[in-house]
Amino acid sequence: MKTIKYSILIFLMIFSWIACDVDYEDNPNEPSVPPTSGLFNNATKVIIDASRDEWFEGRFTLPTMQYWAQVNYTEEDRYQYRPGLPDTWSTFYRALENYRLIIQYNTDEATKNDVLAYGPNEGQIAVARIMLAYTFNLMADTFGDIPYYSYGTENPDFQALNVNEVLAPKYAQQKDIYLDILNELKAAAAQLGSVSGQHLNGGDAIYFGDLSKWQKFANSLRMRIAVKLLGTSEAATAMQHINEAKTNAFTSNADNAALSYEANDTNASPFYKAYYVDNRTDFAVAYPFVRLLKGEDLTTTNPKANPFSGLTDPRLPVYVAPNGLGNHVGMPYGVESAIAPTFKWWSLPGTAILDASFNVPLMDYAEVEFILSELNGWDQTHYENGVKASIEKWNPDADATAYVATLPPASEETVLTQKYIALYMQSHAAWTEYRRTGYPQFLIMPGESYTVDVQTEDGMKTFDYEFIPLVDTDDIPTRVTYPGEEANINGENLKEATSRINGGDEITSKLWWDVN
C-alpha cells in the first residue's frame, strides 16, 4: 500500500530522535540497529494516543456509548462521523510497522544479539505480538476486514506490513483475523513462559519490563476476544481458548494493563492535552451515564428502569466532576448543535480522568471477572468480584464491599451493565460489548424523546429533547466506513472487501461476529 509505505518511512524518520544518543558502528558491513525499546515505546504511545484522543475516543467511541456528550458540535453524537476519523487507520499501520521491526531484529541472526540489551529475544518478540494482536483486534472491531499481518501464520491473504513486496495488500477476512489473533496470543504467552524471570530493559510504559504481567495480559486479552466469537461458527474454538487462557489471566488490579503518562505537557495523557493544552473543553459526561451512576431512572418521559435504582455508585465522584452548583449533571445526549449550548449546567469528567499522569487502561482485571460470571451462568461471586475490583481501582477509599452487598443479584442485565460501568475510558471495548450483547439497555436510542430536570441558578428548569440521528438508523452504529483514500490507492482490494459486507460499506452494516 503506497500510502502505508511512505507513512512508515516518514514515521521511522520521526523516530530517529529517540536513537540520537546511540553510537552505531562505523563499519558499513555491520547493521545499524535502532534500540528496540525505543521502537516499542514509540509505537505503543502512538497507538494509545490515536485511539484515546479527542478525535477517535472523544468524538467517536465515548459519545457513541453515551459516556460523554459534546457540548457544542454534536454531529458525531448523532452519528455523522467526520471524514478525518479513519485517519486513525494510517496512524495504526505506521505504528504496527515498529512492532514488526522489533520481531525482525530479534529473529534475524545478523541483529538478534545486538538487541539483547533491551531484553531476551523471545520476550521482545512475544510482547510485540501481543501489541500487534491488541491493535489488529481494535481495527477489525472498527472496520471489519482489514489488511493484516501475522508473525506465526503463513496465509496468502495476510499481506500487511510487507511493503517491499506488496504495495496494495489484500483485506483479510474477519474470521481468519480473529482466529489468528487468538493463536498469536496463545503463542506469545508460551514464549513468555520460556523466559520466566527475565525482564525487558526500557521502553515499556505498561508493565515496565515485567514479562509475567505481559503473559497474563496475553491470556486476558485472549479471553476478551474469544468471548466475542461465542455466537459464531467458531464457538468451540473460542471456548477452548478461554478455558486455556483463564488459568493464567488477571487475578487482581495489580495485573491491569495501562499505559502510564507523565505529569508534564509533553508526555501528558491525551485528554489532559485536549482540555488543558489545546483548551478543547468540548466534552461533558453524558446524561444517561450520570443517571445510571446516581441510581436514577432515565427520565419521567422516557422511564427506562435503572437496574441499580436507588443506589449511588461509589465511582460517581471519580468519573464525574460536580458542576458549578456542586451537582453531578449529565449533558443531554443527541441534541442539535444549535441547541446544545443553551444547556449550561453539565459536569466535566472527573479530575482523575483528565489528569496529566492518567494511566490509560487497555484492559482491567474486573473485565476478566465479568467474563467468568457470564460463562458460568451469570455467577454471583465473579459478578461481585468484578464490581469490587472496578470500585477499588477507581475509588480505593470507598467501601466496595458495602456497596456490592446492596446490589441486585447477578443476571444478564446486572452483570453486563456493571461491565459497561467498569469499561469507562475503554469505550471502544464497551462499543464491542454493546454490539455483542445489546447491553446496556439504559441508553437513549435514535428517535426517542426525553425530559431533563436540572437545578439552575434560578431554580429548577425542565428541558425537552429528542434524539434525531443524522443517519438513517434506529440503533447505535455497528462499524466505521473505510478511509476514502483506500479507493485510490488500494481500490481493487477495497472493492472485494466491501462486496463481502452484508449491507455494504456503511456504519449500519454488521461485522462477522455481530449476531445479536
Protein backbone atom coordinates (compact mmCIF):
# COMPACT_ATOMS: atom_id res chain seq x y z
CA MET A 1 0.00 0.00 0.00
CA LYS A 2 1.80 3.15 -1.17
CA THR A 3 0.44 5.43 1.49
CA ILE A 4 1.39 2.98 4.21
CA LYS A 5 4.85 2.57 2.72
CA TYR A 6 5.50 6.28 2.57
CA SER A 7 4.00 6.83 6.02
CA ILE A 8 6.23 4.15 7.51
CA LEU A 9 9.31 5.84 6.07
CA ILE A 10 8.24 9.18 7.48
CA PHE A 11 7.42 7.53 10.80
CA LEU A 12 10.88 6.00 11.06
CA MET A 13 12.46 9.35 10.22
CA ILE A 14 10.48 10.94 13.03
CA PHE A 15 11.53 8.10 15.28
CA SER A 16 15.22 8.82 14.71
CA TRP A 17 15.33 11.37 17.52
CA ILE A 18 14.82 8.55 20.01
CA ALA A 19 18.05 6.91 18.97
CA CYS A 20 20.15 10.05 18.64
CA ASP A 21 22.29 9.21 21.67
CA VAL A 22 23.12 5.69 20.49
CA ASP A 23 26.55 5.06 19.00
CA TYR A 24 26.42 2.93 15.87
CA GLU A 25 29.30 1.08 14.30
CA ASP A 26 31.10 2.94 11.53
CA ASN A 27 31.68 -0.32 9.67
CA PRO A 28 29.20 -0.31 6.77
CA ASN A 29 29.15 -4.10 6.87
CA GLU A 30 27.67 -4.00 10.37
CA PRO A 31 23.92 -3.41 10.63
CA SER A 32 22.69 -0.19 12.21
CA VAL A 33 20.03 -1.36 14.60
CA PRO A 34 17.81 1.15 16.40
CA PRO A 35 17.05 0.47 20.07
CA THR A 36 14.05 -1.83 20.10
CA SER A 37 12.99 -0.32 23.42
CA GLY A 38 12.52 2.98 21.59
CA LEU A 39 10.61 1.32 18.77
CA PHE A 40 8.26 -0.28 21.28
CA ASN A 41 7.75 2.83 23.38
CA ASN A 42 7.07 4.98 20.34
CA ALA A 43 4.65 2.57 18.68
CA THR A 44 2.68 1.94 21.86
CA LYS A 45 2.30 5.62 22.67
CA VAL A 46 1.24 6.40 19.09
CA ILE A 47 -1.44 3.68 19.17
CA ILE A 48 -2.85 4.68 22.54
CA ASP A 49 -2.68 8.39 21.73
CA ALA A 50 -4.52 7.79 18.45
CA SER A 51 -7.23 5.55 19.90
CA ARG A 52 -7.79 7.58 23.09
CA ASP A 53 -7.57 11.14 21.87
CA GLU A 54 -10.21 13.84 21.44
CA TRP A 55 -10.99 12.60 17.92
CA PHE A 56 -11.23 8.83 17.96
CA GLU A 57 -12.45 8.44 21.53
CA GLY A 58 -13.74 11.93 22.30
CA ARG A 59 -15.81 12.31 19.14
CA PHE A 60 -16.47 8.67 18.35
CA THR A 61 -16.48 5.89 20.93
CA LEU A 62 -17.15 7.85 24.13
CA PRO A 63 -20.22 9.66 22.74
CA THR A 64 -21.38 6.63 20.74
CA MET A 65 -21.56 4.68 24.01
CA GLN A 66 -23.08 7.71 25.80
CA TYR A 67 -20.34 8.00 28.39
CA TRP A 68 -19.73 11.55 27.14
CA ALA A 69 -21.63 14.07 25.03
CA GLN A 70 -20.38 17.08 23.13
CA VAL A 71 -21.43 20.47 24.40
CA ASN A 72 -21.19 22.43 21.13
CA TYR A 73 -20.63 20.48 17.93
CA THR A 74 -22.81 17.42 18.35
CA GLU A 75 -22.77 15.92 14.87
CA GLU A 76 -20.74 12.87 15.94
CA ASP A 77 -23.11 12.27 18.85
CA ARG A 78 -25.76 11.88 16.16
CA TYR A 79 -23.54 9.54 14.12
CA GLN A 80 -22.28 11.93 11.48
CA TYR A 81 -18.66 10.94 11.91
CA ARG A 82 -16.09 13.26 10.39
CA PRO A 83 -14.14 12.08 7.34
CA GLY A 84 -10.95 12.51 9.36
CA LEU A 85 -11.90 9.71 11.74
CA PRO A 86 -10.43 6.99 9.50
CA ASP A 87 -7.06 8.80 9.65
CA THR A 88 -6.52 6.55 12.63
CA TRP A 89 -6.21 3.74 10.06
CA SER A 90 -2.91 5.04 8.65
CA THR A 91 -1.64 6.02 12.09
CA PHE A 92 -2.13 2.47 13.33
CA TYR A 93 -0.33 0.93 10.36
CA ARG A 94 2.64 3.25 10.85
CA ALA A 95 2.94 2.18 14.47
CA LEU A 96 2.36 -1.51 13.74
CA GLU A 97 5.41 -1.48 11.48
CA ASN A 98 7.57 -0.80 14.54
CA TYR A 99 6.33 -3.99 16.20
CA ARG A 100 7.16 -5.92 13.04
CA LEU A 101 10.64 -4.41 13.09
CA ILE A 102 11.10 -5.50 16.70
CA ILE A 103 10.29 -9.05 15.66
CA GLN A 104 12.63 -8.79 12.69
CA TYR A 105 15.57 -7.53 14.74
CA ASN A 106 15.03 -10.24 17.35
CA THR A 107 14.84 -13.08 14.82
CA ASP A 108 17.46 -12.06 12.27
CA GLU A 109 20.77 -13.80 13.03
CA ALA A 110 22.60 -10.63 12.00
CA THR A 111 20.85 -8.44 14.58
CA LYS A 112 19.35 -10.59 17.35
CA ASN A 113 22.43 -10.34 19.57
CA ASP A 114 22.61 -6.57 19.10
CA VAL A 115 19.18 -6.08 20.68
CA LEU A 116 19.67 -8.35 23.69
CA ALA A 117 20.45 -5.23 25.71
CA TYR A 118 16.71 -4.49 25.65
CA GLY A 119 15.59 -7.89 26.91
CA PRO A 120 15.52 -11.54 25.85
CA ASN A 121 14.74 -12.09 22.18
CA GLU A 122 11.74 -14.30 22.91
CA GLY A 123 10.37 -11.75 25.37
CA GLN A 124 10.63 -8.87 22.94
CA ILE A 125 9.02 -10.91 20.17
CA ALA A 126 6.16 -12.00 22.43
CA VAL A 127 5.36 -8.50 23.68
CA ALA A 128 5.39 -7.17 20.11
CA ARG A 129 2.98 -9.95 19.11
CA ILE A 130 0.65 -9.03 21.97
CA MET A 131 0.51 -5.39 20.90
CA LEU A 132 0.02 -6.42 17.28
CA ALA A 133 -2.90 -8.57 18.45
CA TYR A 134 -4.34 -5.77 20.59
CA THR A 135 -4.21 -3.26 17.74
CA PHE A 136 -5.40 -5.51 14.92
CA ASN A 137 -8.32 -6.61 17.10
CA LEU A 138 -9.26 -2.97 17.67
CA MET A 139 -9.04 -2.27 13.94
CA ALA A 140 -11.07 -5.32 12.92
CA ASP A 141 -13.69 -4.41 15.53
CA THR A 142 -13.88 -0.95 13.98
CA PHE A 143 -13.83 -1.60 10.23
CA GLY A 144 -14.27 -5.34 9.64
CA ASP A 145 -11.98 -6.91 7.04
CA ILE A 146 -8.58 -5.18 7.01
CA PRO A 147 -5.04 -5.74 5.70
CA TYR A 148 -3.48 -7.99 8.34
CA TYR A 149 -0.04 -9.21 9.36
CA SER A 150 0.83 -12.34 11.32
CA TYR A 151 4.21 -13.41 12.62
CA GLY A 152 3.28 -17.03 13.21
CA THR A 153 0.99 -17.91 10.30
CA GLU A 154 1.69 -18.22 6.59
CA ASN A 155 -1.51 -17.16 4.88
CA PRO A 156 -1.50 -15.66 1.36
CA ASP A 157 -4.17 -13.18 2.45
CA PHE A 158 -2.05 -11.80 5.33
CA GLN A 159 -0.17 -9.16 3.35
CA ALA A 160 0.03 -6.07 5.56
CA LEU A 161 3.38 -4.60 6.70
CA ASN A 162 5.11 -6.19 3.72
CA VAL A 163 5.70 -3.01 1.75
CA ASN A 164 8.84 -4.24 -0.01
CA GLU A 165 6.79 -6.86 -1.85
CA VAL A 166 3.12 -5.83 -1.60
CA LEU A 167 2.09 -2.22 -2.15
CA ALA A 168 -1.64 -3.00 -2.25
CA PRO A 169 -2.35 -5.67 0.37
CA LYS A 170 -5.44 -7.81 0.41
CA TYR A 171 -8.07 -7.33 3.07
CA ALA A 172 -8.04 -10.45 5.22
CA GLN A 173 -11.43 -11.73 6.34
CA GLN A 174 -12.50 -11.16 9.93
CA LYS A 175 -12.87 -14.84 10.78
CA ASP A 176 -9.28 -15.52 9.73
CA ILE A 177 -8.02 -12.44 11.56
CA TYR A 178 -9.66 -13.21 14.90
CA LEU A 179 -8.67 -16.87 14.87
CA ASP A 180 -5.09 -15.94 14.08
CA ILE A 181 -5.03 -13.26 16.79
CA LEU A 182 -6.11 -15.88 19.32
CA ASN A 183 -3.34 -18.19 18.15
CA GLU A 184 -0.81 -15.36 18.25
CA LEU A 185 -1.75 -14.55 21.84
CA LYS A 186 -1.51 -18.21 22.80
CA ALA A 187 1.92 -18.46 21.21
CA ALA A 188 3.07 -15.20 22.80
CA ALA A 189 2.05 -16.41 26.25
CA ALA A 190 4.01 -19.62 25.67
CA GLN A 191 7.05 -17.63 24.55
CA LEU A 192 6.91 -15.58 27.73
CA GLY A 193 6.82 -18.78 29.74
CA SER A 194 10.14 -19.72 28.15
CA VAL A 195 11.83 -16.59 29.55
CA SER A 196 10.28 -16.71 33.02
CA GLY A 197 12.06 -14.45 35.47
CA GLN A 198 13.62 -12.22 32.81
CA HIS A 199 12.68 -8.61 32.06
CA LEU A 200 12.57 -6.09 29.26
CA ASN A 201 15.02 -3.23 29.67
CA GLY A 202 13.40 0.10 28.91
CA GLY A 203 10.64 1.23 26.58
CA ASP A 204 7.75 -0.48 28.38
CA ALA A 205 5.41 2.08 29.96
CA ILE A 206 2.71 -0.55 30.52
CA TYR A 207 4.38 -3.18 32.74
CA PHE A 208 7.87 -1.68 32.98
CA GLY A 209 9.53 -4.83 31.74
CA ASP A 210 7.64 -7.39 33.85
CA LEU A 211 7.12 -10.26 31.40
CA SER A 212 4.96 -12.26 33.82
CA LYS A 213 2.42 -9.41 33.68
CA TRP A 214 2.57 -9.42 29.90
CA GLN A 215 1.82 -13.14 29.94
CA LYS A 216 -1.32 -12.51 32.00
CA PHE A 217 -2.33 -9.71 29.66
CA ALA A 218 -1.97 -12.03 26.65
CA ASN A 219 -4.29 -14.55 28.27
CA SER A 220 -6.82 -11.95 29.45
CA LEU A 221 -6.93 -10.33 26.02
CA ARG A 222 -7.41 -13.78 24.56
CA MET A 223 -10.49 -14.17 26.76
CA ARG A 224 -11.87 -10.78 25.70
CA ILE A 225 -11.56 -11.67 22.02
CA ALA A 226 -12.72 -15.28 22.33
CA VAL A 227 -15.94 -14.43 24.19
CA LYS A 228 -16.85 -12.23 21.24
CA LEU A 229 -16.80 -15.28 18.96
CA LEU A 230 -19.10 -17.48 21.05
CA GLY A 231 -22.08 -16.65 18.86
CA THR A 232 -20.29 -17.65 15.66
CA SER A 233 -19.46 -20.91 13.92
CA GLU A 234 -16.13 -20.85 15.78
CA ALA A 235 -17.70 -21.07 19.25
CA ALA A 236 -15.99 -24.36 20.13
CA THR A 237 -12.57 -23.00 19.21
CA ALA A 238 -13.27 -19.81 21.15
CA MET A 239 -14.30 -21.76 24.23
CA GLN A 240 -11.12 -23.81 24.07
CA HIS A 241 -9.07 -20.62 24.05
CA ILE A 242 -10.99 -19.29 27.05
CA ASN A 243 -10.52 -22.47 29.06
CA GLU A 244 -6.79 -22.42 28.37
CA ALA A 245 -6.32 -18.70 28.95
CA LYS A 246 -8.30 -18.33 32.19
CA THR A 247 -5.78 -20.43 34.13
CA ASN A 248 -3.21 -17.61 33.94
CA ALA A 249 -5.21 -14.43 33.36
CA PHE A 250 -5.55 -11.34 35.55
CA THR A 251 -6.23 -12.12 39.21
CA SER A 252 -6.10 -8.63 40.77
CA ASN A 253 -5.89 -4.94 39.90
CA ALA A 254 -2.12 -5.25 40.15
CA ASP A 255 -2.29 -7.04 36.79
CA ASN A 256 -4.21 -4.29 34.95
CA ALA A 257 -2.78 -3.26 31.59
CA ALA A 258 -2.50 0.53 31.37
CA LEU A 259 -0.16 2.94 29.62
CA SER A 260 1.44 5.36 32.06
CA TYR A 261 1.67 9.02 31.12
CA GLU A 262 3.67 11.77 32.81
CA ALA A 263 2.77 14.93 34.73
CA ASN A 264 4.04 17.31 32.05
CA ASP A 265 2.65 18.83 28.89
CA THR A 266 4.95 16.87 26.58
CA ASN A 267 4.08 13.34 27.69
CA ALA A 268 0.71 14.02 29.26
CA SER A 269 -2.36 11.85 28.75
CA PRO A 270 -4.43 12.55 25.61
CA PHE A 271 -7.39 14.18 27.34
CA TYR A 272 -5.21 16.34 29.57
CA LYS A 273 -3.72 17.68 26.35
CA ALA A 274 -7.16 18.16 24.83
CA TYR A 275 -8.59 20.03 27.82
CA TYR A 276 -5.62 21.91 29.26
CA VAL A 277 -3.06 22.26 26.46
CA ASP A 278 -5.38 22.67 23.46
CA ASN A 279 -8.21 24.20 25.55
CA ARG A 280 -10.80 21.90 23.98
CA THR A 281 -13.48 21.69 26.67
CA ASP A 282 -15.86 20.19 24.14
CA PHE A 283 -16.94 17.17 26.15
CA ALA A 284 -19.08 16.63 29.22
CA VAL A 285 -20.24 13.41 30.84
CA ALA A 286 -23.46 12.27 29.16
CA TYR A 287 -26.86 12.50 30.81
CA PRO A 288 -27.72 8.76 30.66
CA PHE A 289 -24.40 7.73 32.23
CA VAL A 290 -24.75 10.16 35.13
CA ARG A 291 -28.31 8.97 35.78
CA LEU A 292 -27.10 5.37 35.76
CA LEU A 293 -24.38 6.15 38.31
CA LYS A 294 -26.82 8.08 40.52
CA GLY A 295 -29.25 5.17 40.61
CA GLU A 296 -31.97 7.18 38.88
CA ASP A 297 -34.27 6.09 36.07
CA LEU A 298 -33.66 7.83 32.77
CA THR A 299 -36.48 10.43 32.80
CA THR A 300 -40.16 10.69 33.61
CA THR A 301 -40.99 10.89 29.90
CA ASN A 302 -38.63 8.04 28.98
CA PRO A 303 -38.84 5.83 32.08
CA LYS A 304 -36.15 3.27 31.35
CA ALA A 305 -35.63 1.46 34.61
CA ASN A 306 -32.21 1.75 36.20
CA PRO A 307 -31.12 -1.80 37.17
CA PHE A 308 -29.42 -0.24 40.22
CA SER A 309 -32.29 2.05 41.17
CA GLY A 310 -31.74 3.93 44.42
CA LEU A 311 -28.01 3.09 44.61
CA THR A 312 -25.39 5.80 44.21
CA ASP A 313 -22.32 4.31 42.60
CA PRO A 314 -19.06 4.94 44.53
CA ARG A 315 -17.34 5.68 41.21
CA LEU A 316 -19.61 8.70 40.56
CA PRO A 317 -17.34 11.35 42.17
CA VAL A 318 -14.31 9.97 40.33
CA TYR A 319 -15.96 9.56 36.94
CA VAL A 320 -17.86 12.86 37.08
CA ALA A 321 -16.89 16.29 38.44
CA PRO A 322 -19.50 18.45 40.17
CA ASN A 323 -20.78 21.41 38.17
CA GLY A 324 -20.62 25.00 39.36
CA LEU A 325 -23.58 24.42 41.69
CA GLY A 326 -22.00 21.35 43.24
CA ASN A 327 -24.21 18.83 41.43
CA HIS A 328 -23.44 15.91 39.12
CA VAL A 329 -25.40 16.62 35.95
CA GLY A 330 -25.03 14.95 32.59
CA MET A 331 -25.06 16.74 29.26
CA PRO A 332 -28.22 15.94 27.26
CA TYR A 333 -27.37 13.44 24.53
CA GLY A 334 -28.19 13.63 20.82
CA VAL A 335 -29.03 17.33 20.93
CA GLU A 336 -28.72 19.51 17.83
CA SER A 337 -25.61 21.68 17.69
CA ALA A 338 -27.70 24.85 17.67
CA ILE A 339 -29.49 23.81 20.86
CA ALA A 340 -26.68 22.19 22.85
CA PRO A 341 -25.03 25.43 24.10
CA THR A 342 -28.28 26.51 25.77
CA PHE A 343 -27.77 23.79 28.40
CA LYS A 344 -25.04 25.14 30.69
CA TRP A 345 -25.20 23.01 33.84
CA TRP A 346 -23.32 19.90 32.73
CA SER A 347 -20.47 18.19 34.56
CA LEU A 348 -16.98 17.68 33.22
CA PRO A 349 -15.20 14.33 33.58
CA GLY A 350 -13.61 13.89 36.99
CA THR A 351 -10.22 15.42 37.73
CA ALA A 352 -8.56 11.99 37.85
CA ILE A 353 -9.78 11.27 34.31
CA LEU A 354 -8.24 14.48 32.99
CA ASP A 355 -5.02 14.24 34.99
CA ALA A 356 -1.78 14.55 33.01
CA SER A 357 -0.46 11.31 34.51
CA PHE A 358 -3.69 9.36 34.00
CA ASN A 359 -2.96 5.70 33.30
CA VAL A 360 -4.91 4.90 30.14
CA PRO A 361 -6.39 1.40 30.52
CA LEU A 362 -6.01 -1.29 27.87
CA MET A 363 -7.72 -3.99 29.95
CA ASP A 364 -8.61 -4.48 33.63
CA TYR A 365 -8.96 -7.41 35.99
CA ALA A 366 -12.63 -6.51 36.51
CA GLU A 367 -13.37 -7.43 32.89
CA VAL A 368 -11.98 -10.93 33.40
CA GLU A 369 -14.33 -11.43 36.35
CA PHE A 370 -17.34 -10.27 34.34
CA ILE A 371 -16.40 -12.66 31.54
CA LEU A 372 -16.17 -15.51 34.04
CA SER A 373 -19.54 -14.56 35.51
CA GLU A 374 -21.12 -14.71 32.06
CA LEU A 375 -19.51 -18.03 31.17
CA ASN A 376 -20.70 -19.56 34.43
CA GLY A 377 -24.37 -18.72 34.03
CA TRP A 378 -24.17 -15.19 35.47
CA ASP A 379 -22.26 -16.35 38.51
CA GLN A 380 -22.76 -14.22 41.62
CA THR A 381 -19.22 -14.48 43.02
CA HIS A 382 -17.49 -13.44 39.81
CA TYR A 383 -20.05 -10.63 39.41
CA GLU A 384 -19.27 -9.30 42.87
CA ASN A 385 -15.54 -9.69 42.28
CA GLY A 386 -15.81 -7.65 39.10
CA VAL A 387 -17.72 -4.79 40.74
CA LYS A 388 -15.36 -4.74 43.73
CA ALA A 389 -12.30 -4.72 41.50
CA SER A 390 -13.60 -1.78 39.49
CA ILE A 391 -14.52 0.26 42.56
CA GLU A 392 -11.20 -0.49 44.25
CA LYS A 393 -9.37 0.63 41.13
CA TRP A 394 -11.23 3.90 40.67
CA ASN A 395 -12.11 4.86 44.26
CA PRO A 396 -9.99 2.85 46.71
CA ASP A 397 -11.31 4.86 49.65
CA ALA A 398 -14.89 3.69 49.03
CA ASP A 399 -16.42 0.75 50.86
CA ALA A 400 -16.76 -1.56 47.88
CA THR A 401 -17.97 -4.46 49.99
CA ALA A 402 -20.84 -2.45 51.44
CA TYR A 403 -21.93 -1.25 48.01
CA VAL A 404 -21.80 -4.73 46.49
CA ALA A 405 -23.95 -6.04 49.33
CA THR A 406 -26.76 -3.72 48.19
CA LEU A 407 -26.67 -4.72 44.51
CA PRO A 408 -29.41 -6.79 42.89
CA PRO A 409 -28.38 -10.40 42.14
CA ALA A 410 -26.28 -11.35 39.15
CA SER A 411 -28.22 -11.58 35.90
CA GLU A 412 -27.53 -10.86 32.27
CA GLU A 413 -28.63 -7.25 32.72
CA THR A 414 -26.85 -6.53 36.01
CA VAL A 415 -23.56 -8.19 35.05
CA LEU A 416 -23.35 -6.59 31.62
CA THR A 417 -24.45 -3.17 32.86
CA GLN A 418 -21.83 -3.26 35.61
CA LYS A 419 -19.33 -4.31 32.96
CA TYR A 420 -20.32 -1.22 30.97
CA ILE A 421 -19.75 0.98 34.03
CA ALA A 422 -16.36 -0.64 34.63
CA LEU A 423 -15.33 -0.08 30.99
CA TYR A 424 -15.43 3.70 31.40
CA MET A 425 -12.46 5.12 29.46
CA GLN A 426 -12.32 1.87 27.48
CA SER A 427 -15.23 2.96 25.34
CA HIS A 428 -14.18 1.02 22.25
CA ALA A 429 -14.39 -2.22 24.25
CA ALA A 430 -17.79 -1.10 25.56
CA TRP A 431 -18.95 -0.46 21.99
CA THR A 432 -17.92 -4.01 21.07
CA GLU A 433 -19.80 -5.32 24.10
CA TYR A 434 -22.95 -3.45 23.11
CA ARG A 435 -22.83 -4.87 19.60
CA ARG A 436 -22.22 -8.35 21.00
CA THR A 437 -24.84 -8.33 23.78
CA GLY A 438 -27.25 -5.40 23.37
CA TYR A 439 -26.33 -4.06 26.82
CA PRO A 440 -26.63 -1.66 28.47
CA GLN A 441 -30.30 -1.07 27.72
CA PHE A 442 -30.23 2.27 29.54
CA LEU A 443 -29.06 4.29 26.55
CA ILE A 444 -31.13 6.82 24.64
CA MET A 445 -31.94 5.34 21.24
CA PRO A 446 -32.39 7.28 17.99
CA GLY A 447 -35.90 8.70 17.73
CA GLU A 448 -36.54 8.68 21.47
CA SER A 449 -37.70 11.73 23.40
CA TYR A 450 -36.80 12.56 26.98
CA THR A 451 -37.04 15.30 29.59
CA VAL A 452 -34.22 16.74 31.70
CA ASP A 453 -34.96 18.43 35.02
CA VAL A 454 -31.97 20.43 36.25
CA GLN A 455 -31.13 22.73 39.15
CA THR A 456 -30.02 26.11 37.80
CA GLU A 457 -29.03 29.41 39.41
CA ASP A 458 -32.69 30.41 39.06
CA GLY A 459 -34.22 27.23 40.41
CA MET A 460 -35.36 24.06 38.67
CA LYS A 461 -35.79 24.09 34.92
CA THR A 462 -37.15 21.47 32.54
CA PHE A 463 -35.86 20.78 29.03
CA ASP A 464 -37.44 18.52 26.43
CA TYR A 465 -35.24 16.79 23.87
CA GLU A 466 -35.49 14.32 21.02
CA PHE A 467 -32.56 12.30 19.71
CA ILE A 468 -32.71 12.69 15.93
CA PRO A 469 -29.70 10.99 14.30
CA LEU A 470 -28.09 12.35 11.16
CA VAL A 471 -28.10 8.92 9.52
CA ASP A 472 -30.96 6.51 8.91
CA THR A 473 -30.78 4.17 11.90
CA ASP A 474 -32.70 3.19 15.00
CA ASP A 475 -29.67 1.81 16.84
CA ILE A 476 -26.03 2.51 17.61
CA PRO A 477 -23.67 2.28 14.60
CA THR A 478 -22.04 -1.10 14.17
CA ARG A 479 -18.84 -0.19 12.31
CA VAL A 480 -16.89 2.66 10.71
CA THR A 481 -16.58 3.09 6.96
CA TYR A 482 -13.23 2.56 5.28
CA PRO A 483 -10.96 5.58 4.69
CA GLY A 484 -11.77 7.37 1.47
CA GLU A 485 -8.15 7.29 0.29
CA GLU A 486 -8.26 3.49 0.11
CA ALA A 487 -10.38 3.72 -3.04
CA ASN A 488 -7.50 5.50 -4.77
CA ILE A 489 -4.52 3.51 -3.51
CA ASN A 490 -5.96 0.03 -2.92
CA GLY A 491 -9.19 0.13 -4.89
CA GLU A 492 -9.45 -3.45 -6.13
CA ASN A 493 -8.86 -4.98 -2.71
CA LEU A 494 -11.20 -2.47 -1.11
CA LYS A 495 -13.90 -3.35 -3.63
CA GLU A 496 -13.52 -7.05 -2.86
CA ALA A 497 -13.68 -6.43 0.90
CA THR A 498 -16.73 -4.21 0.55
CA SER A 499 -18.51 -6.86 -1.51
CA ARG A 500 -18.25 -9.21 1.47
CA ILE A 501 -20.07 -6.80 3.80
CA ASN A 502 -23.75 -7.53 4.18
CA GLY A 503 -25.17 -4.05 3.68
CA GLY A 504 -22.10 -2.52 2.08
CA ASP A 505 -19.56 -0.07 3.44
CA GLU A 506 -21.97 1.63 5.83
CA ILE A 507 -21.87 2.38 9.56
CA THR A 508 -25.02 0.29 10.00
CA SER A 509 -23.58 -2.91 8.49
CA LYS A 510 -22.77 -5.67 10.97
CA LEU A 511 -19.43 -7.34 11.48
CA TRP A 512 -18.93 -11.11 11.18
CA TRP A 513 -19.28 -11.81 14.91
CA ASP A 514 -22.16 -9.37 15.48
CA VAL A 515 -25.05 -11.83 15.60
CA ASN A 516 -27.02 -10.07 18.37
